Amino acid sequence: AHGHVMGLGFQLMLLDLSETQSLAEAQAMIRDYAAKNPEMPWI
């Protein structure tokens, strides 16, 4: 009865930090994602 369809779709496409348990874990994911996607103008 209440959701965001495109929000889910883009979560599945882009960087998803919802399972991270600490700032350090999030930073590691962000660093890795940026390194794997050098063509993206924005992360």
Full PDB file with SEQRES, HELIX, SHEET, SSBOND, CRYST1, ORIGX, SCALE, CONECT and MASTER records, all heavy atoms in Angstrom:
SEQRES   1 A   43  ALA HIS GLY HIS VAL MET GLY LEU GLY PHE GLN LEU MET          
SEQRES   2 A   43  LEU LEU ASP LEU SER GLU THR GLN SER LEU ALA GLU ALA          
SEQRES   3 A   43  GLN ALA MET ILE ARG ASP TYR ALA ALA LYS ASN PRO GLU          
SEQRES   4 A   43  MET PRO TRP ILE                                              
HELIX    1 AA1 VAL A    5  MET A   13  1                                   9    
HELIX    2 AA2 LEU A   23  LYS A   36  1                                  14    
CRYST1    1.000    1.000    1.000  90.00  90.00  90.00 P 1           1          
ORIGX1      1.000000  0.000000  0.000000        0.00000                         
ORIGX2      0.000000  1.000000  0.000000        0.00000                         
ORIGX3      0.000000  0.000000  1.000000        0.00000                         
SCALE1      1.000000  0.000000  0.000000        0.00000                         
SCALE2      0.000000  1.000000  0.000000        0.00000                         
SCALE3      0.000000  0.000000  1.000000        0.00000                         
ATOM      1  N   ALA A   1       0.801  -1.228   0.000  1.00  0.00           N  
ATOM      2  CA  ALA A   1       0.000   0.000   0.000  1.00  0.00           C  
ATOM      3  C   ALA A   1       0.830   1.272   0.000  1.00  0.00           C  
ATOM      4  O   ALA A   1       0.266   2.372  -0.091  1.00  0.00           O  
ATOM      5  CB  ALA A   1      -0.942   0.005   1.206  1.00  0.00           C  
ATOM      6  N   HIS A   2       2.152   1.151   0.098  1.00  0.00           N  
ATOM      7  CA  HIS A   2       2.998   2.353   0.063  1.00  0.00           C  
ATOM      8  C   HIS A   2       4.419   1.945  -0.302  1.00  0.00           C  
ATOM      9  O   HIS A   2       5.141   1.331   0.487  1.00  0.00           O  
ATOM     10  CB  HIS A   2       3.005   3.058   1.430  1.00  0.00           C  
ATOM     11  CG  HIS A   2       3.796   4.332   1.433  1.00  0.00           C  
ATOM     12  ND1 HIS A   2       3.220   5.561   1.637  1.00  0.00           N  
ATOM     13  CD2 HIS A   2       5.125   4.578   1.259  1.00  0.00           C  
ATOM     14  CE1 HIS A   2       4.148   6.502   1.606  1.00  0.00           C  
ATOM     15  NE2 HIS A   2       5.324   5.918   1.369  1.00  0.00           N  
ATOM     16  N   GLY A   3       4.819   2.287  -1.524  1.00  0.00           N  
ATOM     17  CA  GLY A   3       6.180   2.000  -1.954  1.00  0.00           C  
ATOM     18  C   GLY A   3       6.618   3.000  -3.002  1.00  0.00           C  
ATOM     19  O   GLY A   3       5.871   3.921  -3.379  1.00  0.00           O  
ATOM     20  N   HIS A   4       7.833   2.818  -3.469  1.00  0.00           N  
ATOM     21  CA  HIS A   4       8.419   3.709  -4.474  1.00  0.00           C  
ATOM     22  C   HIS A   4       9.078   2.823  -5.528  1.00  0.00           C  
ATOM     23  O   HIS A   4      10.201   2.359  -5.344  1.00  0.00           O  
ATOM     24  CB  HIS A   4       9.427   4.656  -3.821  1.00  0.00           C  
ATOM     25  CG  HIS A   4       8.867   5.399  -2.637  1.00  0.00           C  
ATOM     26  ND1 HIS A   4       8.106   6.537  -2.770  1.00  0.00           N  
ATOM     27  CD2 HIS A   4       8.921   5.131  -1.311  1.00  0.00           C  
ATOM     28  CE1 HIS A   4       7.737   6.963  -1.571  1.00  0.00           C  
ATOM     29  NE2 HIS A   4       8.208   6.122  -0.672  1.00  0.00           N  
ATOM     30  N   VAL A   5       8.357   2.577  -6.607  1.00  0.00           N  
ATOM     31  CA  VAL A   5       8.781   1.585  -7.591  1.00  0.00           C  
ATOM     32  C   VAL A   5      10.130   1.944  -8.196  1.00  0.00           C  
ATOM     33  O   VAL A   5      11.052   1.123  -8.237  1.00  0.00           O  
ATOM     34  CB  VAL A   5       7.714   1.433  -8.687  1.00  0.00           C  
ATOM     35  CG1 VAL A   5       8.203   0.489  -9.779  1.00  0.00           C  
ATOM     36  CG2 VAL A   5       6.405   0.907  -8.084  1.00  0.00           C  
ATOM     37  N   MET A   6      10.268   3.176  -8.671  1.00  0.00           N  
ATOM     38  CA  MET A   6      11.533   3.565  -9.299  1.00  0.00           C  
ATOM     39  C   MET A   6      12.661   3.655  -8.271  1.00  0.00           C  
ATOM     40  O   MET A   6      13.823   3.405  -8.601  1.00  0.00           O  
ATOM     41  CB  MET A   6      11.372   4.893 -10.028  1.00  0.00           C  
ATOM     42  CG  MET A   6      10.616   4.782 -11.331  1.00  0.00           C  
ATOM     43  SD  MET A   6      11.446   3.693 -12.521  1.00  0.00           S  
ATOM     44  CE  MET A   6      10.378   3.927 -13.944  1.00  0.00           C  
ATOM     45  N   GLY A   7      12.329   4.001  -7.048  1.00  0.00           N  
ATOM     46  CA  GLY A   7      13.343   3.992  -5.996  1.00  0.00           C  
ATOM     47  C   GLY A   7      13.945   2.611  -5.834  1.00  0.00           C  
ATOM     48  O   GLY A   7      15.161   2.446  -5.678  1.00  0.00           O  
ATOM     49  N   LEU A   8      13.091   1.581  -5.877  1.00  0.00           N  
ATOM     50  CA  LEU A   8      13.579   0.207  -5.810  1.00  0.00           C  
ATOM     51  C   LEU A   8      14.435  -0.116  -7.025  1.00  0.00           C  
ATOM     52  O   LEU A   8      15.516  -0.705  -6.897  1.00  0.00           O  
ATOM     53  CB  LEU A   8      12.396  -0.756  -5.716  1.00  0.00           C  
ATOM     54  CG  LEU A   8      12.722  -2.248  -5.859  1.00  0.00           C  
ATOM     55  CD1 LEU A   8      13.690  -2.704  -4.774  1.00  0.00           C  
ATOM     56  CD2 LEU A   8      11.437  -3.080  -5.833  1.00  0.00           C  
ATOM     57  N   GLY A   9      13.961   0.279  -8.200  1.00  0.00           N  
ATOM     58  CA  GLY A   9      14.720  -0.021  -9.403  1.00  0.00           C  
ATOM     59  C   GLY A   9      16.106   0.583  -9.398  1.00  0.00           C  
ATOM     60  O   GLY A   9      17.095  -0.089  -9.736  1.00  0.00           O  
ATOM     61  N   PHE A  10      16.187   1.842  -8.995  1.00  0.00           N  
ATOM     62  CA  PHE A  10      17.502   2.485  -8.965  1.00  0.00           C  
ATOM     63  C   PHE A  10      18.365   1.952  -7.826  1.00  0.00           C  
ATOM     64  O   PHE A  10      19.596   1.927  -7.929  1.00  0.00           O  
ATOM     65  CB  PHE A  10      17.356   4.001  -8.894  1.00  0.00           C  
ATOM     66  CG  PHE A  10      17.062   4.625 -10.231  1.00  0.00           C  
ATOM     67  CD1 PHE A  10      15.806   5.117 -10.538  1.00  0.00           C  
ATOM     68  CD2 PHE A  10      18.040   4.666 -11.211  1.00  0.00           C  
ATOM     69  CE1 PHE A  10      15.530   5.664 -11.783  1.00  0.00           C  
ATOM     70  CE2 PHE A  10      17.781   5.207 -12.469  1.00  0.00           C  
ATOM     71  CZ  PHE A  10      16.519   5.703 -12.749  1.00  0.00           C  
ATOM     72  N   GLN A  11      17.743   1.504  -6.741  1.00  0.00           N  
ATOM     73  CA  GLN A  11      18.517   0.839  -5.693  1.00  0.00           C  
ATOM     74  C   GLN A  11      19.200  -0.409  -6.249  1.00  0.00           C  
ATOM     75  O   GLN A  11      20.354  -0.709  -5.904  1.00  0.00           O  
ATOM     76  CB  GLN A  11      17.610   0.451  -4.532  1.00  0.00           C  
ATOM     77  CG  GLN A  11      18.350  -0.245  -3.384  1.00  0.00           C  
ATOM     78  CD  GLN A  11      17.407  -0.764  -2.316  1.00  0.00           C  
ATOM     79  OE1 GLN A  11      16.474  -1.507  -2.601  1.00  0.00           O  
ATOM     80  NE2 GLN A  11      17.624  -0.352  -1.080  1.00  0.00           N  
ATOM     81  N   LEU A  12      18.504  -1.129  -7.116  1.00  0.00           N  
ATOM     82  CA  LEU A  12      19.063  -2.339  -7.709  1.00  0.00           C  
ATOM     83  C   LEU A  12      20.109  -2.027  -8.777  1.00  0.00           C  
ATOM     84  O   LEU A  12      20.941  -2.881  -9.104  1.00  0.00           O  
ATOM     85  CB  LEU A  12      17.942  -3.183  -8.322  1.00  0.00           C  
ATOM     86  CG  LEU A  12      16.921  -3.739  -7.315  1.00  0.00           C  
ATOM     87  CD1 LEU A  12      15.724  -4.336  -8.044  1.00  0.00           C  
ATOM     88  CD2 LEU A  12      17.567  -4.774  -6.406  1.00  0.00           C  
ATOM     89  N   MET A  13      20.088  -0.807  -9.315  1.00  0.00           N  
ATOM     90  CA  MET A  13      21.027  -0.409 -10.364  1.00  0.00           C  
ATOM     91  C   MET A  13      22.277   0.279  -9.827  1.00  0.00           C  
ATOM     92  O   MET A  13      23.361   0.141 -10.394  1.00  0.00           O  
ATOM     93  CB  MET A  13      20.345   0.555 -11.344  1.00  0.00           C  
ATOM     94  CG  MET A  13      19.388  -0.087 -12.312  1.00  0.00           C  
ATOM     95  SD  MET A  13      18.488   1.145 -13.297  1.00  0.00           S  
ATOM     96  CE  MET A  13      19.828   1.979 -14.167  1.00  0.00           C  
ATOM     97  N   LEU A  14      22.120   1.053  -8.758  1.00  0.00           N  
ATOM     98  CA  LEU A  14      23.184   1.936  -8.301  1.00  0.00           C  
ATOM     99  C   LEU A  14      23.776   1.459  -6.971  1.00  0.00           C  
ATOM    100  O   LEU A  14      23.501   0.354  -6.510  1.00  0.00           O  
ATOM    101  CB  LEU A  14      22.637   3.364  -8.181  1.00  0.00           C  
ATOM    102  CG  LEU A  14      22.067   3.955  -9.481  1.00  0.00           C  
ATOM    103  CD1 LEU A  14      21.424   5.303  -9.216  1.00  0.00           C  
ATOM    104  CD2 LEU A  14      23.161   4.082 -10.543  1.00  0.00           C  
ATOM    105  N   LEU A  15      24.581   2.291  -6.355  1.00  0.00           N  
ATOM    106  CA  LEU A  15      25.258   1.951  -5.106  1.00  0.00           C  
ATOM    107  C   LEU A  15      24.251   1.842  -3.975  1.00  0.00           C  
ATOM    108  O   LEU A  15      23.514   2.792  -3.688  1.00  0.00           O  
ATOM    109  CB  LEU A  15      26.308   3.025  -4.784  1.00  0.00           C  
ATOM    110  CG  LEU A  15      27.068   2.882  -3.466  1.00  0.00           C  
ATOM    111  CD1 LEU A  15      27.833   1.564  -3.414  1.00  0.00           C  
ATOM    112  CD2 LEU A  15      28.015   4.069  -3.291  1.00  0.00           C  
ATOM    113  N   ASP A  16      24.209   0.706  -3.323  1.00  0.00           N  
ATOM    114  CA  ASP A  16      23.245   0.433  -2.254  1.00  0.00           C  
ATOM    115  C   ASP A  16      23.997   0.203  -0.944  1.00  0.00           C  
ATOM    116  O   ASP A  16      24.712  -0.778  -0.788  1.00  0.00           O  
ATOM    117  CB  ASP A  16      22.409  -0.784  -2.608  1.00  0.00           C  
ATOM    118  CG  ASP A  16      21.400  -1.151  -1.534  1.00  0.00           C  
ATOM    119  OD1 ASP A  16      21.164  -0.331  -0.633  1.00  0.00           O  
ATOM    120  OD2 ASP A  16      20.849  -2.275  -1.603  1.00  0.00           O  
ATOM    121  N   LEU A  17      23.795   1.123   0.000  1.00  0.00           N  
ATOM    122  CA  LEU A  17      24.491   1.044   1.293  1.00  0.00           C  
ATOM    123  C   LEU A  17      23.590   0.527   2.408  1.00  0.00           C  
ATOM    124  O   LEU A  17      23.965   0.573   3.577  1.00  0.00           O  
ATOM    125  CB  LEU A  17      25.006   2.434   1.681  1.00  0.00           C  
ATOM    126  CG  LEU A  17      25.998   3.094   0.722  1.00  0.00           C  
ATOM    127  CD1 LEU A  17      26.291   4.523   1.175  1.00  0.00           C  
ATOM    128  CD2 LEU A  17      27.286   2.290   0.628  1.00  0.00           C  
ATOM    129  N   SER A  18      22.420   0.009   2.058  1.00  0.00           N  
ATOM    130  CA  SER A  18      21.438  -0.320   3.091  1.00  0.00           C  
ATOM    131  C   SER A  18      21.863  -1.451   4.015  1.00  0.00           C  
ATOM    132  O   SER A  18      21.363  -1.565   5.135  1.00  0.00           O  
ATOM    133  CB  SER A  18      20.088  -0.658   2.443  1.00  0.00           C  
ATOM    134  OG  SER A  18      20.199  -1.770   1.575  1.00  0.00           O  
ATOM    135  N   GLU A  19      22.785  -2.296   3.585  1.00  0.00           N  
ATOM    136  CA  GLU A  19      23.218  -3.405   4.436  1.00  0.00           C  
ATOM    137  C   GLU A  19      24.501  -3.096   5.206  1.00  0.00           C  
ATOM    138  O   GLU A  19      24.984  -3.941   5.960  1.00  0.00           O  
ATOM    139  CB  GLU A  19      23.421  -4.669   3.589  1.00  0.00           C  
ATOM    140  CG  GLU A  19      22.142  -5.185   2.937  1.00  0.00           C  
ATOM    141  CD  GLU A  19      21.068  -5.543   3.957  1.00  0.00           C  
ATOM    142  OE1 GLU A  19      21.409  -6.151   4.989  1.00  0.00           O  
ATOM    143  OE2 GLU A  19      19.891  -5.204   3.719  1.00  0.00           O  
ATOM    144  N   THR A  20      25.062  -1.912   5.024  1.00  0.00           N  
ATOM    145  CA  THR A  20      26.309  -1.595   5.719  1.00  0.00           C  
ATOM    146  C   THR A  20      26.066  -1.415   7.212  1.00  0.00           C  
ATOM    147  O   THR A  20      25.057  -0.861   7.631  1.00  0.00           O  
ATOM    148  CB  THR A  20      26.963  -0.329   5.148  1.00  0.00           C  
ATOM    149  OG1 THR A  20      26.049   0.772   5.235  1.00  0.00           O  
ATOM    150  CG2 THR A  20      27.354  -0.528   3.700  1.00  0.00           C  
ATOM    151  N   GLN A  21      27.026  -1.881   7.998  1.00  0.00           N  
ATOM    152  CA  GLN A  21      26.889  -1.866   9.451  1.00  0.00           C  
ATOM    153  C   GLN A  21      27.742  -0.802  10.134  1.00  0.00           C  
ATOM    154  O   GLN A  21      27.645  -0.619  11.345  1.00  0.00           O  
ATOM    155  CB  GLN A  21      27.283  -3.243  10.023  1.00  0.00           C  
ATOM    156  CG  GLN A  21      26.463  -4.394   9.463  1.00  0.00           C  
ATOM    157  CD  GLN A  21      24.992  -4.308   9.833  1.00  0.00           C  
ATOM    158  OE1 GLN A  21      24.651  -3.976  10.970  1.00  0.00           O  
ATOM    159  NE2 GLN A  21      24.115  -4.602   8.881  1.00  0.00           N  
ATOM    160  N   SER A  22      28.576  -0.104   9.368  1.00  0.00           N  
ATOM    161  CA  SER A  22      29.446   0.911   9.960  1.00  0.00           C  
ATOM    162  C   SER A  22      29.834   1.923   8.894  1.00  0.00           C  
ATOM    163  O   SER A  22      29.727   1.655   7.687  1.00  0.00           O  
ATOM    164  CB  SER A  22      30.712   0.277  10.545  1.00  0.00           C  
ATOM    165  OG  SER A  22      31.521  -0.256   9.503  1.00  0.00           O  
ATOM    166  N   LEU A  23      30.293   3.078   9.337  1.00  0.00           N  
ATOM    167  CA  LEU A  23      30.798   4.078   8.408  1.00  0.00           C  
ATOM    168  C   LEU A  23      31.967   3.521   7.616  1.00  0.00           C  
ATOM    169  O   LEU A  23      32.066   3.727   6.395  1.00  0.00           O  
ATOM    170  CB  LEU A  23      31.218   5.337   9.170  1.00  0.00           C  
ATOM    171  CG  LEU A  23      31.926   6.422   8.343  1.00  0.00           C  
ATOM    172  CD1 LEU A  23      31.032   6.936   7.211  1.00  0.00           C  
ATOM    173  CD2 LEU A  23      32.372   7.587   9.240  1.00  0.00           C  
ATOM    174  N   ALA A  24      32.858   2.806   8.274  1.00  0.00           N  
ATOM    175  CA  ALA A  24      34.027   2.261   7.587  1.00  0.00           C  
ATOM    176  C   ALA A  24      33.619   1.286   6.481  1.00  0.00           C  
ATOM    177  O   ALA A  24      34.210   1.293   5.386  1.00  0.00           O  
ATOM    178  CB  ALA A  24      34.938   1.559   8.597  1.00  0.00           C  
ATOM    179  N   GLU A  25      32.611   0.457   6.744  1.00  0.00           N  
ATOM    180  CA  GLU A  25      32.141  -0.480   5.726  1.00  0.00           C  
ATOM    181  C   GLU A  25      31.533   0.288   4.545  1.00  0.00           C  
ATOM    182  O   GLU A  25      31.753  -0.063   3.383  1.00  0.00           O  
ATOM    183  CB  GLU A  25      31.104  -1.430   6.327  1.00  0.00           C  
ATOM    184  CG  GLU A  25      30.625  -2.491   5.358  1.00  0.00           C  
ATOM    185  CD  GLU A  25      29.575  -3.420   5.958  1.00  0.00           C  
ATOM    186  OE1 GLU A  25      29.359  -3.377   7.191  1.00  0.00           O  
ATOM    187  OE2 GLU A  25      28.968  -4.191   5.182  1.00  0.00           O  
ATOM    188  N   ALA A  26      30.777   1.350   4.855  1.00  0.00           N  
ATOM    189  CA  ALA A  26      30.201   2.170   3.791  1.00  0.00           C  
ATOM    190  C   ALA A  26      31.295   2.835   2.965  1.00  0.00           C  
ATOM    191  O   ALA A  26      31.227   2.870   1.727  1.00  0.00           O  
ATOM    192  CB  ALA A  26      29.270   3.220   4.390  1.00  0.00           C  
ATOM    193  N   GLN A  27      32.299   3.375   3.627  1.00  0.00           N  
ATOM    194  CA  GLN A  27      33.398   4.021   2.903  1.00  0.00           C  
ATOM    195  C   GLN A  27      34.098   3.033   1.971  1.00  0.00           C  
ATOM    196  O   GLN A  27      34.458   3.377   0.843  1.00  0.00           O  
ATOM    197  CB  GLN A  27      34.400   4.605   3.896  1.00  0.00           C  
ATOM    198  CG  GLN A  27      33.901   5.853   4.605  1.00  0.00           C  
ATOM    199  CD  GLN A  27      34.863   6.320   5.678  1.00  0.00           C  
ATOM    200  OE1 GLN A  27      35.313   5.520   6.517  1.00  0.00           O  
ATOM    201  NE2 GLN A  27      35.198   7.610   5.664  1.00  0.00           N  
ATOM    202  N   ALA A  28      34.289   1.805   2.444  1.00  0.00           N  
ATOM    203  CA  ALA A  28      34.941   0.793   1.614  1.00  0.00           C  
ATOM    204  C   ALA A  28      34.099   0.479   0.382  1.00  0.00           C  
ATOM    205  O   ALA A  28      34.629   0.338  -0.736  1.00  0.00           O  
ATOM    206  CB  ALA A  28      35.192  -0.469   2.430  1.00  0.00           C  
ATOM    207  N   MET A  29      32.775   0.401   0.552  1.00  0.00           N  
ATOM    208  CA  MET A  29      31.893   0.129  -0.582  1.00  0.00           C  
ATOM    209  C   MET A  29      31.911   1.277  -1.581  1.00  0.00           C  
ATOM    210  O   MET A  29      31.929   1.062  -2.798  1.00  0.00           O  
ATOM    211  CB  MET A  29      30.458  -0.107  -0.092  1.00  0.00           C  
ATOM    212  CG  MET A  29      30.196  -1.477   0.479  1.00  0.00           C  
ATOM    213  SD  MET A  29      28.408  -1.775   0.713  1.00  0.00           S  
ATOM    214  CE  MET A  29      27.845  -1.841  -0.994  1.00  0.00           C  
ATOM    215  N   ILE A  30      31.905   2.491  -1.060  1.00  0.00           N  
ATOM    216  CA  ILE A  30      31.917   3.675  -1.933  1.00  0.00           C  
ATOM    217  C   ILE A  30      33.218   3.728  -2.734  1.00  0.00           C  
ATOM    218  O   ILE A  30      33.216   3.966  -3.948  1.00  0.00           O  
ATOM    219  CB  ILE A  30      31.728   4.952  -1.100  1.00  0.00           C  
ATOM    220  CG1 ILE A  30      30.354   4.951  -0.433  1.00  0.00           C  
ATOM    221  CG2 ILE A  30      31.894   6.192  -1.969  1.00  0.00           C  
ATOM    222  CD1 ILE A  30      30.221   5.934   0.724  1.00  0.00           C  
ATOM    223  N   ARG A  31      34.324   3.502  -2.062  1.00  0.00           N  
ATOM    224  CA  ARG A  31      35.630   3.514  -2.739  1.00  0.00           C  
ATOM    225  C   ARG A  31      35.679   2.457  -3.837  1.00  0.00           C  
ATOM    226  O   ARG A  31      36.105   2.714  -4.969  1.00  0.00           O  
ATOM    227  CB  ARG A  31      36.750   3.265  -1.727  1.00  0.00           C  
ATOM    228  CG  ARG A  31      38.156   3.278  -2.347  1.00  0.00           C  
ATOM    229  CD  ARG A  31      39.220   2.778  -1.385  1.00  0.00           C  
ATOM    230  NE  ARG A  31      39.400   3.656  -0.246  1.00  0.00           N  
ATOM    231  CZ  ARG A  31      39.055   3.356   1.022  1.00  0.00           C  
ATOM    232  NH1 ARG A  31      38.489   2.180   1.276  1.00  0.00           N  
ATOM    233  NH2 ARG A  31      39.273   4.202   1.996  1.00  0.00           N  
ATOM    234  N   ASP A  32      35.195   1.247  -3.521  1.00  0.00           N  
ATOM    235  CA  ASP A  32      35.227   0.148  -4.476  1.00  0.00           C  
ATOM    236  C   ASP A  32      34.304   0.424  -5.661  1.00  0.00           C  
ATOM    237  O   ASP A  32      34.671   0.185  -6.815  1.00  0.00           O  
ATOM    238  CB  ASP A  32      34.813  -1.148  -3.765  1.00  0.00           C  
ATOM    239  CG  ASP A  32      34.895  -2.358  -4.665  1.00  0.00           C  
ATOM    240  OD1 ASP A  32      35.995  -2.646  -5.159  1.00  0.00           O  
ATOM    241  OD2 ASP A  32      33.854  -3.012  -4.884  1.00  0.00           O  
ATOM    242  N   TYR A  33      33.119   0.952  -5.389  1.00  0.00           N  
ATOM    243  CA  TYR A  33      32.150   1.258  -6.452  1.00  0.00           C  
ATOM    244  C   TYR A  33      32.710   2.321  -7.396  1.00  0.00           C  
ATOM    245  O   TYR A  33      32.590   2.205  -8.624  1.00  0.00           O  
ATOM    246  CB  TYR A  33      30.842   1.726  -5.830  1.00  0.00           C  
ATOM    247  CG  TYR A  33      29.724   1.981  -6.810  1.00  0.00           C  
ATOM    248  CD1 TYR A  33      28.894   0.945  -7.225  1.00  0.00           C  
ATOM    249  CD2 TYR A  33      29.492   3.256  -7.314  1.00  0.00           C  
ATOM    250  CE1 TYR A  33      27.855   1.179  -8.123  1.00  0.00           C  
ATOM    251  CE2 TYR A  33      28.452   3.500  -8.210  1.00  0.00           C  
ATOM    252  CZ  TYR A  33      27.644   2.450  -8.617  1.00  0.00           C  
ATOM    253  OH  TYR A  33      26.615   2.695  -9.494  1.00  0.00           O  
ATOM    254  N   ALA A  34      33.325   3.353  -6.829  1.00  0.00           N  
ATOM    255  CA  ALA A  34      33.905   4.414  -7.653  1.00  0.00           C  
ATOM    256  C   ALA A  34      35.037   3.869  -8.533  1.00  0.00           C  
ATOM    257  O   ALA A  34      35.155   4.227  -9.706  1.00  0.00           O  
ATOM    258  CB  ALA A  34      34.416   5.544  -6.771  1.00  0.00           C  
ATOM    259  N   ALA A  35      35.839   2.978  -7.967  1.00  0.00           N  
ATOM    260  CA  ALA A  35      36.950   2.413  -8.729  1.00  0.00           C  
ATOM    261  C   ALA A  35      36.451   1.541  -9.883  1.00  0.00           C  
ATOM    262  O   ALA A  35      37.055   1.505 -10.962  1.00  0.00           O  
ATOM    263  CB  ALA A  35      37.846   1.594  -7.810  1.00  0.00           C  
ATOM    264  N   LYS A  36      35.327   0.849  -9.675  1.00  0.00           N  
ATOM    265  CA  LYS A  36      34.790  -0.045 -10.696  1.00  0.00           C  
ATOM    266  C   LYS A  36      33.967   0.697 -11.749  1.00  0.00           C  
ATOM    267  O   LYS A  36      33.627   0.114 -12.784  1.00  0.00           O  
ATOM    268  CB  LYS A  36      33.925  -1.124 -10.044  1.00  0.00           C  
ATOM    269  CG  LYS A  36      34.722  -2.140  -9.229  1.00  0.00           C  
ATOM    270  CD  LYS A  36      33.803  -3.165  -8.597  1.00  0.00           C  
ATOM    271  CE  LYS A  36      34.602  -4.219  -7.825  1.00  0.00           C  
ATOM    272  NZ  LYS A  36      33.714  -5.201  -7.145  1.00  0.00           N  
ATOM    273  N   ASN A  37      33.637   1.951 -11.485  1.00  0.00           N  
ATOM    274  CA  ASN A  37      32.806   2.727 -12.406  1.00  0.00           C  
ATOM    275  C   ASN A  37      33.467   4.072 -12.718  1.00  0.00           C  
ATOM    276  O   ASN A  37      32.913   5.138 -12.422  1.00  0.00           O  
ATOM    277  CB  ASN A  37      31.416   2.941 -11.805  1.00  0.00           C  
ATOM    278  CG  ASN A  37      30.643   1.651 -11.633  1.00  0.00           C  
ATOM    279  OD1 ASN A  37      30.022   1.144 -12.572  1.00  0.00           O  
ATOM    280  ND2 ASN A  37      30.680   1.106 -10.426  1.00  0.00           N  
ATOM    281  N   PRO A  38      34.646   4.041 -13.337  1.00  0.00           N  
ATOM    282  CA  PRO A  38      35.384   5.292 -13.586  1.00  0.00           C  
ATOM    283  C   PRO A  38      34.702   6.214 -14.589  1.00  0.00           C  
ATOM    284  O   PRO A  38      34.995   7.410 -14.632  1.00  0.00           O  
ATOM    285  CB  PRO A  38      36.733   4.794 -14.131  1.00  0.00           C  
ATOM    286  CG  PRO A  38      36.432   3.452 -14.730  1.00  0.00           C  
ATOM    287  CD  PRO A  38      35.372   2.859 -13.838  1.00  0.00           C  
ATOM    288  N   GLU A  39      33.761   5.658 -15.394  1.00  0.00           N  
ATOM    289  CA  GLU A  39      33.098   6.474 -16.409  1.00  0.00           C  
ATOM    290  C   GLU A  39      31.968   7.316 -15.846  1.00  0.00           C  
ATOM    291  O   GLU A  39      31.479   8.244 -16.517  1.00  0.00           O  
ATOM    292  CB  GLU A  39      32.560   5.564 -17.524  1.00  0.00           C  
ATOM    293  CG  GLU A  39      31.273   4.820 -17.203  1.00  0.00           C  
ATOM    294  CD  GLU A  39      31.421   3.670 -16.200  1.00  0.00           C  
ATOM    295  OE1 GLU A  39      32.566   3.362 -15.814  1.00  0.00           O  
ATOM    296  OE2 GLU A  39      30.393   3.094 -15.810  1.00  0.00           O  
ATOM    297  N   MET A  40      31.529   7.029 -14.634  1.00  0.00           N  
ATOM    298  CA  MET A  40      30.398   7.761 -14.061  1.00  0.00           C  
ATOM    299  C   MET A  40      30.826   9.158 -13.627  1.00  0.00           C  
ATOM    300  O   MET A  40      31.745   9.296 -12.810  1.00  0.00           O  
ATOM    301  CB  MET A  40      29.823   7.010 -12.853  1.00  0.00           C  
ATOM    302  CG  MET A  40      29.058   5.761 -13.207  1.00  0.00           C  
ATOM    303  SD  MET A  40      28.289   5.021 -11.742  1.00  0.00           S  
ATOM    304  CE  MET A  40      27.285   3.744 -12.512  1.00  0.00           C  
ATOM    305  N   PRO A  41      30.132  10.215 -14.113  1.00  0.00           N  
ATOM    306  CA  PRO A  41      30.521  11.567 -13.709  1.00  0.00           C  
ATOM    307  C   PRO A  41      30.204  11.851 -12.243  1.00  0.00           C  
ATOM    308  O   PRO A  41      30.895  12.644 -11.613  1.00  0.00           O  
ATOM    309  CB  PRO A  41      29.697  12.464 -14.645  1.00  0.00           C  
ATOM    310  CG  PRO A  41      28.541  11.622 -15.068  1.00  0.00           C  
ATOM    311  CD  PRO A  41      29.047  10.219 -15.116  1.00  0.00           C  
ATOM    312  N   TRP A  42      29.153  11.230 -11.730  1.00  0.00           N  
ATOM    313  CA  TRP A  42      28.783  11.330 -10.314  1.00  0.00           C  
ATOM    314  C   TRP A  42      28.656   9.908  -9.760  1.00  0.00           C  
ATOM    315  O   TRP A  42      28.220   8.995 -10.455  1.00  0.00           O  
ATOM    316  CB  TRP A  42      27.438  12.036 -10.126  1.00  0.00           C  
ATOM    317  CG  TRP A  42      27.452  13.534 -10.254  1.00  0.00           C  
ATOM    318  CD1 TRP A  42      27.902  14.280 -11.298  1.00  0.00           C  
ATOM    319  CD2 TRP A  42      26.929  14.455  -9.293  1.00  0.00           C  
ATOM    320  NE1 TRP A  42      27.713  15.618 -11.059  1.00  0.00           N  
ATOM    321  CE2 TRP A  42      27.107  15.757  -9.825  1.00  0.00           C  
ATOM    322  CE3 TRP A  42      26.317  14.330  -8.040  1.00  0.00           C  
ATOM    323  CZ2 TRP A  42      26.718  16.905  -9.149  1.00  0.00           C  
ATOM    324  CZ3 TRP A  42      25.917  15.476  -7.362  1.00  0.00           C  
ATOM    325  CH2 TRP A  42      26.124  16.751  -7.908  1.00  0.00           C  
ATOM    326  N   ILE A  43      29.007   9.759  -8.491  1.00  0.00           N  
ATOM    327  CA  ILE A  43      28.728   8.519  -7.774  1.00  0.00           C  
ATOM    328  C   ILE A  43      27.428   8.743  -7.009  1.00  0.00           C  
ATOM    329  O   ILE A  43      27.361   9.580  -6.102  1.00  0.00           O  
ATOM    330  CB  ILE A  43      29.867   8.150  -6.808  1.00  0.00           C  
ATOM    331  CG1 ILE A  43      31.185   8.001  -7.558  1.00  0.00           C  
ATOM    332  CG2 ILE A  43      29.515   6.882  -6.031  1.00  0.00           C  
ATOM    333  CD1 ILE A  43      31.169   6.946  -8.646  1.00  0.00           C  
TER     334      ILE A  43                                                      
MASTER        0    0    0    2    0    0    0    6  333    1    0    4          
END                                                                             
